[in-house]
PDB file of N, CA and C in Angstrom:
ATOM      1  N   TYR A   1      74.390 103.941 128.871  1.00  0.00           N
ATOM      2  CA  TYR A   1      74.453 105.129 129.717  1.00  0.00           C
ATOM      3  C   TYR A   1      74.927 104.773 131.130  1.00  0.00           C
ATOM      4  N   GLU A   2      74.796 103.518 131.487  1.00  0.00           N
ATOM      5  CA  GLU A   2      75.194 103.077 132.832  1.00  0.00           C
ATOM      6  C   GLU A   2      76.659 103.383 133.120  1.00  0.00           C
ATOM      7  N   ASP A   3      77.548 103.076 132.172  1.00  0.00           N
ATOM      8  CA  ASP A   3      78.979 103.343 132.362  1.00  0.00           C
ATOM      9  C   ASP A   3      79.251 104.831 132.512  1.00  0.00           C
ATOM     10  N   HIS A   4      78.588 105.624 131.670  1.00  0.00           N
ATOM     11  CA  HIS A   4      78.784 107.080 131.738  1.00  0.00           C
ATOM     12  C   HIS A   4      78.314 107.610 133.094  1.00  0.00           C
ATOM     13  N   PHE A   5      77.148 107.151 133.537  1.00  0.00           N
ATOM     14  CA  PHE A   5      76.653 107.599 134.835  1.00  0.00           C
ATOM     15  C   PHE A   5      77.650 107.254 135.932  1.00  0.00           C
ATOM     16  N   ASN A   6      78.127 106.026 135.945  1.00  0.00           N
ATOM     17  CA  ASN A   6      79.052 105.590 136.995  1.00  0.00           C
ATOM     18  C   ASN A   6      80.362 106.374 136.961  1.00  0.00           C
ATOM     19  N   THR A   7      80.869 106.638 135.767  1.00  0.00           N
ATOM     20  CA  THR A   7      82.103 107.419 135.634  1.00  0.00           C
ATOM     21  C   THR A   7      81.916 108.825 136.180  1.00  0.00           C
ATOM     22  N   MET A   8      80.827 109.459 135.783  1.00  0.00           N
ATOM     23  CA  MET A   8      80.588 110.835 136.220  1.00  0.00           C
ATOM     24  C   MET A   8      80.236 110.885 137.708  1.00  0.00           C
ATOM     25  N   PHE A   9      79.547 109.866 138.186  1.00  0.00           N
ATOM     26  CA  PHE A   9      79.249 109.819 139.613  1.00  0.00           C
ATOM     27  C   PHE A   9      80.547 109.758 140.412  1.00  0.00           C
ATOM     28  N   GLN A  10      81.512 108.990 139.935  1.00  0.00           N
ATOM     29  CA  GLN A  10      82.811 108.920 140.611  1.00  0.00           C
ATOM     30  C   GLN A  10      83.534 110.265 140.564  1.00  0.00           C
ATOM     31  N   GLU A  11      83.379 110.997 139.458  1.00  0.00           N
ATOM     32  CA  GLU A  11      83.966 112.336 139.386  1.00  0.00           C
ATOM     33  C   GLU A  11      83.291 113.274 140.388  1.00  0.00           C
ATOM     34  N   LEU A  12      81.987 113.104 140.566  1.00  0.00           N
ATOM     35  CA  LEU A  12      81.272 113.898 141.561  1.00  0.00           C
ATOM     36  C   LEU A  12      81.781 113.573 142.963  1.00  0.00           C
ATOM     37  N   ILE A  13      82.012 112.308 143.241  1.00  0.00           N
ATOM     38  CA  ILE A  13      82.548 111.894 144.539  1.00  0.00           C
ATOM     39  C   ILE A  13      83.931 112.502 144.755  1.00  0.00           C
ATOM     40  N   GLU A  14      84.741 112.518 143.720  1.00  0.00           N
ATOM     41  CA  GLU A  14      86.079 113.118 143.803  1.00  0.00           C
ATOM     42  C   GLU A  14      85.972 114.629 144.055  1.00  0.00           C
ATOM     43  N   PHE A  15      85.028 115.271 143.379  1.00  0.00           N
ATOM     44  CA  PHE A  15      84.782 116.697 143.613  1.00  0.00           C
ATOM     45  C   PHE A  15      84.407 116.922 145.076  1.00  0.00           C
ATOM     46  N   LYS A  16      83.532 116.073 145.593  1.00  0.00           N
ATOM     47  CA  LYS A  16      83.106 116.184 146.987  1.00  0.00           C
ATOM     48  C   LYS A  16      84.285 115.978 147.935  1.00  0.00           C
ATOM     49  N   ARG A  17      85.150 115.028 147.616  1.00  0.00           N
ATOM     50  CA  ARG A  17      86.320 114.781 148.459  1.00  0.00           C
ATOM     51  C   ARG A  17      87.217 116.029 148.514  1.00  0.00           C
ATOM     52  N   LYS A  18      87.393 116.683 147.375  1.00  0.00           N
ATOM     53  CA  LYS A  18      88.251 117.876 147.304  1.00  0.00           C
ATOM     54  C   LYS A  18      87.631 119.087 147.983  1.00  0.00           C
ATOM     55  N   HIS A  19      86.320 119.287 147.761  1.00  0.00           N
ATOM     56  CA  HIS A  19      85.656 120.528 148.172  1.00  0.00           C
ATOM     57  C   HIS A  19      84.766 120.393 149.404  1.00  0.00           C
ATOM     58  N   GLY A  20      84.487 119.170 149.811  1.00  0.00           N
ATOM     59  CA  GLY A  20      83.651 118.962 150.981  1.00  0.00           C
ATOM     60  C   GLY A  20      82.161 119.032 150.713  1.00  0.00           C
ATOM     61  N   HIS A  21      81.770 119.140 149.453  1.00  0.00           N
ATOM     62  CA  HIS A  21      80.356 119.216 149.073  1.00  0.00           C
ATOM     63  C   HIS A  21      80.190 118.805 147.616  1.00  0.00           C
ATOM     64  N   CYS A  22      78.952 118.641 147.189  1.00  0.00           N
ATOM     65  CA  CYS A  22      78.644 118.251 145.802  1.00  0.00           C
ATOM     66  C   CYS A  22      78.026 119.393 145.012  1.00  0.00           C
ATOM     67  N   HIS A  23      78.234 120.604 145.447  1.00  0.00           N
ATOM     68  CA  HIS A  23      77.589 121.761 144.823  1.00  0.00           C
ATOM     69  C   HIS A  23      78.416 122.269 143.642  1.00  0.00           C
ATOM     70  N   VAL A  24      78.314 121.577 142.525  1.00  0.00           N
ATOM     71  CA  VAL A  24      79.050 121.930 141.314  1.00  0.00           C
ATOM     72  C   VAL A  24      78.321 123.089 140.644  1.00  0.00           C
ATOM     73  N   GLU A  25      79.022 124.188 140.475  1.00  0.00           N
ATOM     74  CA  GLU A  25      78.403 125.371 139.881  1.00  0.00           C
ATOM     75  C   GLU A  25      78.676 125.437 138.384  1.00  0.00           C
ATOM     76  N   ASN A  26      77.816 126.153 137.681  1.00  0.00           N
ATOM     77  CA  ASN A  26      77.922 126.259 136.230  1.00  0.00           C
ATOM     78  C   ASN A  26      79.219 126.893 135.764  1.00  0.00           C
ATOM     79  N   ASP A  27      79.830 127.716 136.596  1.00  0.00           N
ATOM     80  CA  ASP A  27      81.051 128.408 136.177  1.00  0.00           C
ATOM     81  C   ASP A  27      82.323 127.674 136.612  1.00  0.00           C
ATOM     82  N   ASN A  28      82.194 126.434 137.053  1.00  0.00           N
ATOM     83  CA  ASN A  28      83.360 125.636 137.452  1.00  0.00           C
ATOM     84  C   ASN A  28      84.144 125.249 136.198  1.00  0.00           C
ATOM     85  N   THR A  29      85.365 125.757 136.091  1.00  0.00           N
ATOM     86  CA  THR A  29      86.176 125.483 134.898  1.00  0.00           C
ATOM     87  C   THR A  29      87.118 124.305 135.089  1.00  0.00           C
ATOM     88  N   ASP A  30      87.218 123.775 136.298  1.00  0.00           N
ATOM     89  CA  ASP A  30      88.109 122.640 136.561  1.00  0.00           C
ATOM     90  C   ASP A  30      87.667 121.374 135.841  1.00  0.00           C
ATOM     91  N   ASN A  31      86.356 121.187 135.720  1.00  0.00           N
ATOM     92  CA  ASN A  31      85.846 119.972 135.107  1.00  0.00           C
ATOM     93  C   ASN A  31      84.555 120.287 134.349  1.00  0.00           C
ATOM     94  N   PRO A  32      84.676 120.806 133.123  1.00  0.00           N
ATOM     95  CA  PRO A  32      83.471 121.159 132.364  1.00  0.00           C
ATOM     96  C   PRO A  32      82.568 119.963 132.071  1.00  0.00           C
ATOM     97  N   ASP A  33      83.155 118.761 131.974  1.00  0.00           N
ATOM     98  CA  ASP A  33      82.328 117.572 131.753  1.00  0.00           C
ATOM     99  C   ASP A  33      81.427 117.303 132.952  1.00  0.00           C
ATOM    100  N   LEU A  34      81.942 117.528 134.159  1.00  0.00           N
ATOM    101  CA  LEU A  34      81.139 117.341 135.365  1.00  0.00           C
ATOM    102  C   LEU A  34      80.031 118.386 135.425  1.00  0.00           C
ATOM    103  N   VAL A  35      80.341 119.616 135.060  1.00  0.00           N
ATOM    104  CA  VAL A  35      79.327 120.683 135.033  1.00  0.00           C
ATOM    105  C   VAL A  35      78.195 120.284 134.088  1.00  0.00           C
ATOM    106  N   LYS A  36      78.562 119.803 132.901  1.00  0.00           N
ATOM    107  CA  LYS A  36      77.560 119.392 131.912  1.00  0.00           C
ATOM    108  C   LYS A  36      76.728 118.228 132.442  1.00  0.00           C
ATOM    109  N   TRP A  37      77.372 117.258 133.067  1.00  0.00           N
ATOM    110  CA  TRP A  37      76.660 116.097 133.591  1.00  0.00           C
ATOM    111  C   TRP A  37      75.695 116.498 134.702  1.00  0.00           C
ATOM    112  N   VAL A  38      76.142 117.390 135.592  1.00  0.00           N
ATOM    113  CA  VAL A  38      75.267 117.869 136.670  1.00  0.00           C
ATOM    114  C   VAL A  38      74.038 118.546 136.068  1.00  0.00           C
ATOM    115  N   ARG A  39      74.247 119.372 135.048  1.00  0.00           N
ATOM    116  CA  ARG A  39      73.120 120.015 134.361  1.00  0.00           C
ATOM    117  C   ARG A  39      72.167 118.962 133.785  1.00  0.00           C
ATOM    118  N   GLU A  40      72.747 117.944 133.155  1.00  0.00           N
ATOM    119  CA  GLU A  40      71.933 116.863 132.591  1.00  0.00           C
ATOM    120  C   GLU A  40      71.140 116.137 133.671  1.00  0.00           C
ATOM    121  N   MET A  41      71.761 115.888 134.817  1.00  0.00           N
ATOM    122  CA  MET A  41      71.070 115.198 135.907  1.00  0.00           C
ATOM    123  C   MET A  41      69.912 116.049 136.436  1.00  0.00           C
ATOM    124  N   ARG A  42      70.145 117.351 136.549  1.00  0.00           N
ATOM    125  CA  ARG A  42      69.072 118.241 137.029  1.00  0.00           C
ATOM    126  C   ARG A  42      67.898 118.256 136.056  1.00  0.00           C
ATOM    127  N   TYR A  43      68.218 118.308 134.773  1.00  0.00           N
ATOM    128  CA  TYR A  43      67.161 118.298 133.762  1.00  0.00           C
ATOM    129  C   TYR A  43      66.451 116.938 133.746  1.00  0.00           C
ATOM    130  N   ALA A  44      67.220 115.874 133.836  1.00  0.00           N
ATOM    131  CA  ALA A  44      66.628 114.532 133.864  1.00  0.00           C
ATOM    132  C   ALA A  44      65.724 114.357 135.081  1.00  0.00           C
ATOM    133  N   TYR A  45      66.093 114.995 136.193  1.00  0.00           N
ATOM    134  CA  TYR A  45      65.267 114.909 137.408  1.00  0.00           C
ATOM    135  C   TYR A  45      63.908 115.562 137.172  1.00  0.00           C
ATOM    136  N   LEU A  46      63.910 116.704 136.491  1.00  0.00           N
ATOM    137  CA  LEU A  46      62.640 117.362 136.169  1.00  0.00           C
ATOM    138  C   LEU A  46      61.788 116.464 135.273  1.00  0.00           C
ATOM    139  N   ARG A  47      62.420 115.839 134.294  1.00  0.00           N
ATOM    140  CA  ARG A  47      61.700 114.927 133.407  1.00  0.00           C
ATOM    141  C   ARG A  47      61.231 113.696 134.154  1.00  0.00           C
ATOM    142  N   PHE A  48      62.008 113.235 135.116  1.00  0.00           N
ATOM    143  CA  PHE A  48      61.634 112.063 135.912  1.00  0.00           C
ATOM    144  C   PHE A  48      60.350 112.342 136.689  1.00  0.00           C
ATOM    145  N   GLN A  49      60.203 113.581 137.149  1.00  0.00           N
ATOM    146  CA  GLN A  49      59.020 113.953 137.920  1.00  0.00           C
ATOM    147  C   GLN A  49      57.747 113.895 137.073  1.00  0.00           C
ATOM    148  N   LYS A  50      57.881 114.239 135.787  1.00  0.00           N
ATOM    149  CA  LYS A  50      56.723 114.251 134.883  1.00  0.00           C
ATOM    150  C   LYS A  50      57.107 113.602 133.558  1.00  0.00           C
ATOM    151  N   PRO A  51      57.254 112.296 133.548  1.00  0.00           N
ATOM    152  CA  PRO A  51      57.699 111.639 132.314  1.00  0.00           C
ATOM    153  C   PRO A  51      56.643 111.698 131.219  1.00  0.00           C
ATOM    154  N   LYS A  52      57.096 112.022 130.010  1.00  0.00           N
ATOM    155  CA  LYS A  52      56.202 112.008 128.852  1.00  0.00           C
ATOM    156  C   LYS A  52      56.500 110.811 127.965  1.00  0.00           C
ATOM    157  N   LYS A  53      57.767 110.388 128.030  1.00  0.00           N
ATOM    158  CA  LYS A  53      58.193 109.249 127.230  1.00  0.00           C
ATOM    159  C   LYS A  53      58.925 108.280 128.153  1.00  0.00           C
ATOM    160  N   LYS A  54      58.980 107.033 127.748  1.00  0.00           N
ATOM    161  CA  LYS A  54      59.699 106.040 128.534  1.00  0.00           C
ATOM    162  C   LYS A  54      61.158 106.444 128.724  1.00  0.00           C
ATOM    163  N   GLN A  55      61.785 107.013 127.700  1.00  0.00           N
ATOM    164  CA  GLN A  55      63.190 107.389 127.753  1.00  0.00           C
ATOM    165  C   GLN A  55      63.474 108.340 128.922  1.00  0.00           C
ATOM    166  N   SER A  56      62.554 109.209 129.237  1.00  0.00           N
ATOM    167  CA  SER A  56      62.763 110.169 130.309  1.00  0.00           C
ATOM    168  C   SER A  56      63.064 109.485 131.628  1.00  0.00           C
ATOM    169  N   ARG A  57      62.422 108.375 131.878  1.00  0.00           N
ATOM    170  CA  ARG A  57      62.651 107.662 133.134  1.00  0.00           C
ATOM    171  C   ARG A  57      63.905 106.793 133.078  1.00  0.00           C
ATOM    172  N   ASP A  58      64.339 106.403 131.883  1.00  0.00           N
ATOM    173  CA  ASP A  58      65.487 105.516 131.767  1.00  0.00           C
ATOM    174  C   ASP A  58      66.794 106.189 132.180  1.00  0.00           C
ATOM    175  N   ILE A  59      66.945 107.466 131.909  1.00  0.00           N
ATOM    176  CA  ILE A  59      68.193 108.175 132.187  1.00  0.00           C
ATOM    177  C   ILE A  59      68.442 108.286 133.685  1.00  0.00           C
ATOM    178  N   LEU A  60      67.435 108.633 134.412  1.00  0.00           N
ATOM    179  CA  LEU A  60      67.576 108.828 135.855  1.00  0.00           C
ATOM    180  C   LEU A  60      66.546 107.956 136.562  1.00  0.00           C
ATOM    181  N   THR A  61      67.022 106.967 137.281  1.00  0.00           N
ATOM    182  CA  THR A  61      66.147 106.042 137.991  1.00  0.00           C
ATOM    183  C   THR A  61      65.996 106.490 139.447  1.00  0.00           C
ATOM    184  N   ALA A  62      65.035 105.909 140.127  1.00  0.00           N
ATOM    185  CA  ALA A  62      64.852 106.202 141.550  1.00  0.00           C
ATOM    186  C   ALA A  62      66.115 105.832 142.333  1.00  0.00           C
ATOM    187  N   GLU A  63      66.772 104.751 141.929  1.00  0.00           N
ATOM    188  CA  GLU A  63      67.999 104.331 142.609  1.00  0.00           C
ATOM    189  C   GLU A  63      69.120 105.362 142.418  1.00  0.00           C
ATOM    190  N   ARG A  64      69.237 105.891 141.201  1.00  0.00           N
ATOM    191  CA  ARG A  64      70.257 106.908 140.949  1.00  0.00           C
ATOM    192  C   ARG A  64      69.964 108.191 141.711  1.00  0.00           C
ATOM    193  N   ILE A  65      68.697 108.549 141.775  1.00  0.00           N
ATOM    194  CA  ILE A  65      68.307 109.741 142.536  1.00  0.00           C
ATOM    195  C   ILE A  65      68.719 109.558 143.991  1.00  0.00           C
ATOM    196  N   GLU A  66      68.414 108.406 144.546  1.00  0.00           N
ATOM    197  CA  GLU A  66      68.783 108.125 145.934  1.00  0.00           C
ATOM    198  C   GLU A  66      70.303 108.161 146.120  1.00  0.00           C
ATOM    199  N   GLN A  67      71.025 107.585 145.173  1.00  0.00           N
ATOM    200  CA  GLN A  67      72.486 107.562 145.222  1.00  0.00           C
ATOM    201  C   GLN A  67      73.041 108.988 145.245  1.00  0.00           C
ATOM    202  N   LEU A  68      72.527 109.848 144.384  1.00  0.00           N
ATOM    203  CA  LEU A  68      72.979 111.238 144.324  1.00  0.00           C
ATOM    204  C   LEU A  68      72.607 111.995 145.596  1.00  0.00           C
ATOM    205  N   GLU A  69      71.389 111.812 146.053  1.00  0.00           N
ATOM    206  CA  GLU A  69      70.943 112.523 147.255  1.00  0.00           C
ATOM    207  C   GLU A  69      71.728 112.099 148.494  1.00  0.00           C
ATOM    208  N   MET A  70      72.130 110.839 148.557  1.00  0.00           N
ATOM    209  CA  MET A  70      72.919 110.379 149.704  1.00  0.00           C
ATOM    210  C   MET A  70      74.278 111.085 149.766  1.00  0.00           C
ATOM    211  N   GLU A  71      74.749 111.565 148.637  1.00  0.00           N
ATOM    212  CA  GLU A  71      76.018 112.299 148.588  1.00  0.00           C
ATOM    213  C   GLU A  71      75.824 113.802 148.785  1.00  0.00           C
ATOM    214  N   GLY A  72      74.565 114.241 148.886  1.00  0.00           N
ATOM    215  CA  GLY A  72      74.292 115.659 149.091  1.00  0.00           C
ATOM    216  C   GLY A  72      74.109 116.440 147.804  1.00  0.00           C
ATOM    217  N   PHE A  73      73.759 115.750 146.712  1.00  0.00           N
ATOM    218  CA  PHE A  73      73.555 116.405 145.422  1.00  0.00           C
ATOM    219  C   PHE A  73      72.382 117.375 145.503  1.00  0.00           C
ATOM    220  N   GLN A  74      72.544 118.552 144.915  1.00  0.00           N
ATOM    221  CA  GLN A  74      71.487 119.568 144.880  1.00  0.00           C
ATOM    222  C   GLN A  74      70.788 119.529 143.527  1.00  0.00           C
ATOM    223  N   TRP A  75      69.474 119.432 143.541  1.00  0.00           N
ATOM    224  CA  TRP A  75      68.715 119.333 142.288  1.00  0.00           C
ATOM    225  C   TRP A  75      68.458 120.686 141.651  1.00  0.00           C
ATOM    226  N   THR A  76      68.672 121.759 142.383  1.00  0.00           N
ATOM    227  CA  THR A  76      68.472 123.093 141.808  1.00  0.00           C
ATOM    228  C   THR A  76      69.695 123.954 142.066  1.00  0.00           C
ATOM    229  N   ASN A  77      69.877 124.947 141.219  1.00  0.00           N
ATOM    230  CA  ASN A  77      70.958 125.906 141.436  1.00  0.00           C
ATOM    231  C   ASN A  77      70.701 126.750 142.670  1.00  0.00           C
ATOM    232  N   ASP A  78      69.427 126.922 143.037  1.00  0.00           N
ATOM    233  CA  ASP A  78      69.112 127.710 144.234  1.00  0.00           C
ATOM    234  C   ASP A  78      69.800 127.124 145.458  1.00  0.00           C
ATOM    235  N   GLY A  79      69.767 125.806 145.579  1.00  0.00           N
ATOM    236  CA  GLY A  79      70.426 125.153 146.701  1.00  0.00           C
ATOM    237  C   GLY A  79      71.922 125.379 146.680  1.00  0.00           C
ATOM    238  N   VAL A  80      72.495 125.376 145.489  1.00  0.00           N
ATOM    239  CA  VAL A  80      73.930 125.593 145.349  1.00  0.00           C
ATOM    240  C   VAL A  80      74.280 127.025 145.748  1.00  0.00           C
ATOM    241  N   LYS A  81      73.507 127.978 145.250  1.00  0.00           N
ATOM    242  CA  LYS A  81      73.764 129.389 145.571  1.00  0.00           C
ATOM    243  C   LYS A  81      73.605 129.631 147.067  1.00  0.00           C
ATOM    244  N   TRP A  82      72.563 129.048 147.647  1.00  0.00           N
ATOM    245  CA  TRP A  82      72.345 129.218 149.085  1.00  0.00           C
ATOM    246  C   TRP A  82      73.531 128.673 149.867  1.00  0.00           C
ATOM    247  N   TYR A  83      73.992 127.488 149.499  1.00  0.00           N
ATOM    248  CA  TYR A  83      75.097 126.855 150.215  1.00  0.00           C
ATOM    249  C   TYR A  83      76.376 127.678 150.088  1.00  0.00           C
ATOM    250  N   ARG A  84      76.621 128.232 148.902  1.00  0.00           N
ATOM    251  CA  ARG A  84      77.810 129.063 148.699  1.00  0.00           C
ATOM    252  C   ARG A  84      77.754 130.288 149.616  1.00  0.00           C
ATOM    253  N   LYS A  85      76.606 130.926 149.697  1.00  0.00           N
ATOM    254  CA  LYS A  85      76.448 132.092 150.576  1.00  0.00           C
ATOM    255  C   LYS A  85      76.581 131.689 152.044  1.00  0.00           C
ATOM    256  N   TYR A  86      76.072 130.522 152.378  1.00  0.00           N
ATOM    257  CA  TYR A  86      76.212 130.014 153.738  1.00  0.00           C
ATOM    258  C   TYR A  86      77.692 129.846 154.101  1.00  0.00           C
ATOM    259  N   LEU A  87      78.471 129.267 153.184  1.00  0.00           N
ATOM    260  CA  LEU A  87      79.904 129.088 153.439  1.00  0.00           C
ATOM    261  C   LEU A  87      80.609 130.435 153.589  1.00  0.00           C
ATOM    262  N   GLU A  88      80.194 131.424 152.821  1.00  0.00           N
ATOM    263  CA  GLU A  88      80.758 132.764 152.963  1.00  0.00           C
ATOM    264  C   GLU A  88      80.433 133.332 154.345  1.00  0.00           C
ATOM    265  N   LEU A  89      79.213 133.095 154.820  1.00  0.00           N
ATOM    266  CA  LEU A  89      78.820 133.571 156.142  1.00  0.00           C
ATOM    267  C   LEU A  89      79.616 132.869 157.239  1.00  0.00           C
ATOM    268  N   VAL A  90      79.832 131.576 157.091  1.00  0.00           N
ATOM    269  CA  VAL A  90      80.635 130.833 158.070  1.00  0.00           C
ATOM    270  C   VAL A  90      82.045 131.408 158.126  1.00  0.00           C
ATOM    271  N   LYS A  91      82.621 131.680 156.966  1.00  0.00           N
ATOM    272  CA  LYS A  91      83.964 132.256 156.902  1.00  0.00           C
ATOM    273  C   LYS A  91      83.979 133.647 157.566  1.00  0.00           C
ATOM    274  N   TYR A  92      82.953 134.440 157.294  1.00  0.00           N
ATOM    275  CA  TYR A  92      82.838 135.777 157.892  1.00  0.00           C
ATOM    276  C   TYR A  92      82.740 135.666 159.418  1.00  0.00           C
ATOM    277  N   GLN A  93      81.921 134.731 159.882  1.00  0.00           N
ATOM    278  CA  GLN A  93      81.725 134.552 161.323  1.00  0.00           C
ATOM    279  C   GLN A  93      83.031 134.144 162.000  1.00  0.00           C
ATOM    280  N   LYS A  94      83.790 133.286 161.366  1.00  0.00           N
ATOM    281  CA  LYS A  94      85.072 132.871 161.946  1.00  0.00           C
ATOM    282  C   LYS A  94      86.048 134.039 162.025  1.00  0.00           C
ATOM    283  N   LYS A  95      85.998 134.891 161.031  1.00  0.00           N
ATOM    284  CA  LYS A  95      86.938 136.015 160.976  1.00  0.00           C
ATOM    285  C   LYS A  95      86.553 137.134 161.941  1.00  0.00           C
ATOM    286  N   PHE A  96      85.240 137.454 162.002  1.00  0.00           N
ATOM    287  CA  PHE A  96      84.790 138.607 162.785  1.00  0.00           C
ATOM    288  C   PHE A  96      84.019 138.247 164.050  1.00  0.00           C
ATOM    289  N   GLY A  97      83.724 136.963 164.258  1.00  0.00           N
ATOM    290  CA  GLY A  97      83.047 136.551 165.480  1.00  0.00           C
ATOM    291  C   GLY A  97      81.570 136.861 165.518  1.00  0.00           C
ATOM    292  N   THR A  98      80.982 137.222 164.401  1.00  0.00           N
ATOM    293  CA  THR A  98      79.561 137.532 164.324  1.00  0.00           C
ATOM    294  C   THR A  98      79.020 137.209 162.943  1.00  0.00           C
ATOM    295  N   CYS A  99      77.704 136.996 162.885  1.00  0.00           N
ATOM    296  CA  CYS A  99      77.057 136.789 161.608  1.00  0.00           C
ATOM    297  C   CYS A  99      76.316 138.050 161.167  1.00  0.00           C
ATOM    298  N   ALA A 100      76.468 139.113 161.940  1.00  0.00           N
ATOM    299  CA  ALA A 100      75.818 140.389 161.606  1.00  0.00           C
ATOM    300  C   ALA A 100      76.674 141.107 160.553  1.00  0.00           C
ATOM    301  N   VAL A 101      76.404 140.795 159.295  1.00  0.00           N
ATOM    302  CA  VAL A 101      77.165 141.378 158.184  1.00  0.00           C
ATOM    303  C   VAL A 101      76.610 142.768 157.889  1.00  0.00           C
ATOM    304  N   PRO A 102      77.474 143.803 157.867  1.00  0.00           N
ATOM    305  CA  PRO A 102      76.970 145.135 157.549  1.00  0.00           C
ATOM    306  C   PRO A 102      76.470 145.212 156.109  1.00  0.00           C
ATOM    307  N   ARG A 103      75.497 146.051 155.901  1.00  0.00           N
ATOM    308  CA  ARG A 103      74.946 146.201 154.549  1.00  0.00           C
ATOM    309  C   ARG A 103      75.767 147.118 153.709  1.00  0.00           C
TER     310      ARG A 103
END
C-alpha cells in the first residue's frame, strides 16, 4: 500500500499546485481515482481514531496523517464545502467591494 499512497499523495500535490488547495470534492471528474483515494483516506482516518483491528491502523499512520495535514488536507467534507463557499465570498468581495451578500 506504500507505493499506492505515495502515488496518490503526489496526485494530491499536483491537484494542489493546479487549484491552490487540497479540497478534492466528490463531484470532481478530472481525476476519479483521486476522489476515491481522498474518500478512502477520510474513512481510514475515522478508523484510525477508533481502531478495532490492527489493519485499521496500518492503512493510515500518524506520519501519513501529518503529511496530509501539512498540505492542508481536509478530513471532512464540511471543511471542503466551507472552503468552497469562502472562495465564492472572496470572489464576490473582489467584484463588488463588500462581503454583504444580498439574500
